[in-house]
Amino acid sequence: MKRMIIFCMLFFCSTMVLTETSPRTLKYKQIIKKIEQLESMVKEKDAELLHTPENPVEGCLDTAVTCFQKGLQKLQPASSQDNPKFTKAIRIVNRFTYKDSGEHCESTCESYMKKTPQTFLKSFKNLIQ
């Protein structure tokens, strides 16, 4: 009977460890959620077009992330009522980092086409996913 209880406890503990998500996965999910919130709050009319990396190659991911972080600073809320939420979402999304692979990338932010803020945020979300 003792062995059966110990086995059940070990089985339960091991399944709990296997189903727990990593902190990195939770961080990415939070950032994606905030990007989706920004999509609904961002100013679209008369907004500045932003350099938008789309499908960057493996060696240029660091440059792409840097471009997105620079572009985030240029986004504006659609209404002044959204400003506190907007600022908080920008701060959380800006936490996304990518470790450089060490490869030299030929492209710069200016080499990417300028797109609307909505398209910019969708591309950033696709990059994270």
C-alpha atoms as a PDB file:
ATOM      1  CA  MET A   1       0.000   0.000   0.000  1.00  0.00           C
ATOM      2  CA  LYS A   2       2.855   2.346   0.857  1.00  0.00           C
ATOM      3  CA  ARG A   3       4.503   1.698  -2.473  1.00  0.00           C
ATOM      4  CA  MET A   4       1.267   2.401  -4.310  1.00  0.00           C
ATOM      5  CA  ILE A   5       0.867   5.790  -2.588  1.00  0.00           C
ATOM      6  CA  ILE A   6       4.478   6.726  -3.285  1.00  0.00           C
ATOM      7  CA  PHE A   7       4.086   5.694  -6.939  1.00  0.00           C
ATOM      8  CA  CYS A   8       0.914   7.777  -7.269  1.00  0.00           C
ATOM      9  CA  MET A   9       2.617  10.810  -5.726  1.00  0.00           C
ATOM     10  CA  LEU A  10       5.617  10.479  -8.040  1.00  0.00           C
ATOM     11  CA  PHE A  11       3.355  10.079 -11.057  1.00  0.00           C
ATOM     12  CA  PHE A  12       1.318  13.154 -10.081  1.00  0.00           C
ATOM     13  CA  CYS A  13       4.443  15.277  -9.490  1.00  0.00           C
ATOM     14  CA  SER A  14       6.052  14.231 -12.766  1.00  0.00           C
ATOM     15  CA  THR A  15       2.935  15.078 -14.786  1.00  0.00           C
ATOM     16  CA  MET A  16       2.740  18.496 -13.129  1.00  0.00           C
ATOM     17  CA  VAL A  17       6.364  19.229 -14.063  1.00  0.00           C
ATOM     18  CA  LEU A  18       5.789  18.178 -17.669  1.00  0.00           C
ATOM     19  CA  THR A  19       2.688  20.353 -18.119  1.00  0.00           C
ATOM     20  CA  GLU A  20       4.200  23.517 -16.609  1.00  0.00           C
ATOM     21  CA  THR A  21       5.043  26.140 -19.235  1.00  0.00           C
ATOM     22  CA  SER A  22       8.414  27.808 -19.259  1.00  0.00           C
ATOM     23  CA  PRO A  23       8.823  31.439 -18.152  1.00  0.00           C
ATOM     24  CA  ARG A  24      10.065  32.318 -21.645  1.00  0.00           C
ATOM     25  CA  THR A  25       6.874  30.955 -23.233  1.00  0.00           C
ATOM     26  CA  LEU A  26       4.759  32.946 -20.784  1.00  0.00           C
ATOM     27  CA  LYS A  27       6.760  36.091 -21.557  1.00  0.00           C
ATOM     28  CA  TYR A  28       6.229  35.639 -25.309  1.00  0.00           C
ATOM     29  CA  LYS A  29       2.499  35.045 -24.827  1.00  0.00           C
ATOM     30  CA  GLN A  30       2.247  38.229 -22.737  1.00  0.00           C
ATOM     31  CA  ILE A  31       4.097  40.243 -25.396  1.00  0.00           C
ATOM     32  CA  ILE A  32       1.858  38.883 -28.177  1.00  0.00           C
ATOM     33  CA  LYS A  33      -1.220  39.764 -26.112  1.00  0.00           C
ATOM     34  CA  LYS A  34       0.070  43.322 -25.635  1.00  0.00           C
ATOM     35  CA  ILE A  35       0.789  43.663 -29.366  1.00  0.00           C
ATOM     36  CA  GLU A  36      -2.803  42.630 -30.068  1.00  0.00           C
ATOM     37  CA  GLN A  37      -3.985  45.308 -27.609  1.00  0.00           C
ATOM     38  CA  LEU A  38      -1.787  47.889 -29.326  1.00  0.00           C
ATOM     39  CA  GLU A  39      -3.315  46.989 -32.701  1.00  0.00           C
ATOM     40  CA  SER A  40      -6.683  48.181 -31.442  1.00  0.00           C
ATOM     41  CA  MET A  41      -5.306  51.318 -29.746  1.00  0.00           C
ATOM     42  CA  VAL A  42      -2.790  52.607 -32.289  1.00  0.00           C
ATOM     43  CA  LYS A  43      -3.424  55.734 -34.346  1.00  0.00           C
ATOM     44  CA  GLU A  44      -3.972  54.716 -37.960  1.00  0.00           C
ATOM     45  CA  LYS A  45      -5.054  57.934 -39.698  1.00  0.00           C
ATOM     46  CA  ASP A  46      -2.314  60.471 -40.416  1.00  0.00           C
ATOM     47  CA  ALA A  47       0.170  58.170 -38.690  1.00  0.00           C
ATOM     48  CA  GLU A  48       3.826  58.001 -39.613  1.00  0.00           C
ATOM     49  CA  LEU A  49       4.739  55.026 -41.794  1.00  0.00           C
ATOM     50  CA  LEU A  50       7.296  52.739 -40.155  1.00  0.00           C
ATOM     51  CA  HIS A  51      10.120  50.609 -41.509  1.00  0.00           C
ATOM     52  CA  THR A  52       8.662  47.103 -41.259  1.00  0.00           C
ATOM     53  CA  PRO A  53      10.896  44.032 -41.429  1.00  0.00           C
ATOM     54  CA  GLU A  54       9.012  41.171 -43.035  1.00  0.00           C
ATOM     55  CA  ASN A  55      10.451  37.654 -43.167  1.00  0.00           C
ATOM     56  CA  PRO A  56      13.991  38.599 -42.090  1.00  0.00           C
ATOM     57  CA  VAL A  57      16.689  35.992 -42.666  1.00  0.00           C
ATOM     58  CA  GLU A  58      18.163  34.144 -39.673  1.00  0.00           C
ATOM     59  CA  GLY A  59      21.278  36.334 -39.390  1.00  0.00           C
ATOM     60  CA  CYS A  60      19.240  39.557 -39.485  1.00  0.00           C
ATOM     61  CA  LEU A  61      16.774  38.828 -36.678  1.00  0.00           C
ATOM     62  CA  ASP A  62      18.673  41.083 -34.277  1.00  0.00           C
ATOM     63  CA  THR A  63      18.468  43.971 -36.744  1.00  0.00           C
ATOM     64  CA  ALA A  64      14.754  43.303 -37.278  1.00  0.00           C
ATOM     65  CA  VAL A  65      14.048  43.347 -33.533  1.00  0.00           C
ATOM     66  CA  THR A  66      15.999  46.601 -33.199  1.00  0.00           C
ATOM     67  CA  CYS A  67      13.925  48.112 -36.022  1.00  0.00           C
ATOM     68  CA  PHE A  68      10.705  47.065 -34.324  1.00  0.00           C
ATOM     69  CA  GLN A  69      11.839  48.544 -31.010  1.00  0.00           C
ATOM     70  CA  LYS A  70      12.698  51.854 -32.713  1.00  0.00           C
ATOM     71  CA  GLY A  71       9.336  51.833 -34.489  1.00  0.00           C
ATOM     72  CA  LEU A  72       7.440  51.182 -31.259  1.00  0.00           C
ATOM     73  CA  GLN A  73       8.676  54.522 -29.934  1.00  0.00           C
ATOM     74  CA  LYS A  74       7.038  56.291 -32.900  1.00  0.00           C
ATOM     75  CA  LEU A  75       3.579  54.768 -32.392  1.00  0.00           C
ATOM     76  CA  GLN A  76       0.831  57.015 -31.074  1.00  0.00           C
ATOM     77  CA  PRO A  77      -2.481  56.168 -29.386  1.00  0.00           C
ATOM     78  CA  ALA A  78      -5.666  56.761 -31.362  1.00  0.00           C
ATOM     79  CA  SER A  79      -7.260  58.638 -28.452  1.00  0.00           C
ATOM     80  CA  SER A  80      -5.919  60.338 -25.354  1.00  0.00           C
ATOM     81  CA  GLN A  81      -8.141  58.079 -23.206  1.00  0.00           C
ATOM     82  CA  ASP A  82      -6.014  55.076 -24.198  1.00  0.00           C
ATOM     83  CA  ASN A  83      -2.728  56.780 -23.318  1.00  0.00           C
ATOM     84  CA  PRO A  84      -1.968  55.051 -19.930  1.00  0.00           C
ATOM     85  CA  LYS A  85      -2.820  51.589 -21.295  1.00  0.00           C
ATOM     86  CA  PHE A  86      -0.946  52.361 -24.491  1.00  0.00           C
ATOM     87  CA  THR A  87       2.201  53.448 -22.637  1.00  0.00           C
ATOM     88  CA  LYS A  88       2.132  50.344 -20.431  1.00  0.00           C
ATOM     89  CA  ALA A  89       1.679  48.049 -23.451  1.00  0.00           C
ATOM     90  CA  ILE A  90       4.607  49.726 -25.250  1.00  0.00           C
ATOM     91  CA  ARG A  91       6.796  49.278 -22.163  1.00  0.00           C
ATOM     92  CA  ILE A  92       5.955  45.549 -21.937  1.00  0.00           C
ATOM     93  CA  VAL A  93       6.451  44.914 -25.663  1.00  0.00           C
ATOM     94  CA  ASN A  94       9.789  46.742 -25.551  1.00  0.00           C
ATOM     95  CA  ARG A  95      11.076  44.059 -23.155  1.00  0.00           C
ATOM     96  CA  PHE A  96      11.322  41.605 -26.031  1.00  0.00           C
ATOM     97  CA  THR A  97      14.962  40.861 -26.700  1.00  0.00           C
ATOM     98  CA  TYR A  98      16.792  38.635 -29.104  1.00  0.00           C
ATOM     99  CA  LYS A  99      20.330  37.402 -28.594  1.00  0.00           C
ATOM    100  CA  ASP A 100      22.507  38.112 -31.591  1.00  0.00           C
ATOM    101  CA  SER A 101      23.745  35.054 -33.468  1.00  0.00           C
ATOM    102  CA  GLY A 102      27.044  36.799 -34.176  1.00  0.00           C
ATOM    103  CA  GLU A 103      26.482  36.880 -37.940  1.00  0.00           C
ATOM    104  CA  HIS A 104      26.878  40.175 -39.752  1.00  0.00           C
ATOM    105  CA  CYS A 105      23.694  41.443 -41.352  1.00  0.00           C
ATOM    106  CA  GLU A 106      23.823  43.575 -44.476  1.00  0.00           C
ATOM    107  CA  SER A 107      20.359  45.088 -44.043  1.00  0.00           C
ATOM    108  CA  THR A 108      19.470  48.108 -41.930  1.00  0.00           C
ATOM    109  CA  CYS A 109      16.144  49.456 -40.735  1.00  0.00           C
ATOM    110  CA  GLU A 110      16.029  51.835 -43.681  1.00  0.00           C
ATOM    111  CA  SER A 111      16.302  48.929 -46.121  1.00  0.00           C
ATOM    112  CA  TYR A 112      12.838  47.690 -45.114  1.00  0.00           C
ATOM    113  CA  MET A 113       9.700  49.126 -46.702  1.00  0.00           C
ATOM    114  CA  LYS A 114       7.589  51.591 -44.743  1.00  0.00           C
ATOM    115  CA  LYS A 115       4.170  50.305 -43.745  1.00  0.00           C
ATOM    116  CA  THR A 116       1.209  51.414 -41.646  1.00  0.00           C
ATOM    117  CA  PRO A 117       1.293  50.972 -37.850  1.00  0.00           C
ATOM    118  CA  GLN A 118      -1.225  48.098 -38.074  1.00  0.00           C
ATOM    119  CA  THR A 119       0.922  46.192 -40.570  1.00  0.00           C
ATOM    120  CA  PHE A 120       4.018  47.024 -38.514  1.00  0.00           C
ATOM    121  CA  LEU A 121       2.477  45.445 -35.379  1.00  0.00           C
ATOM    122  CA  LYS A 122       1.243  42.380 -37.286  1.00  0.00           C
ATOM    123  CA  SER A 123       4.738  41.796 -38.671  1.00  0.00           C
ATOM    124  CA  PHE A 124       6.227  42.142 -35.196  1.00  0.00           C
ATOM    125  CA  LYS A 125       3.735  39.614 -33.831  1.00  0.00           C
ATOM    126  CA  ASN A 126       4.590  37.197 -36.661  1.00  0.00           C
ATOM    127  CA  LEU A 127       8.287  37.548 -35.880  1.00  0.00           C
ATOM    128  CA  ILE A 128       7.735  36.665 -32.227  1.00  0.00           C
ATOM    129  CA  GLN A 129       5.540  33.704 -33.061  1.00  0.00           C
END
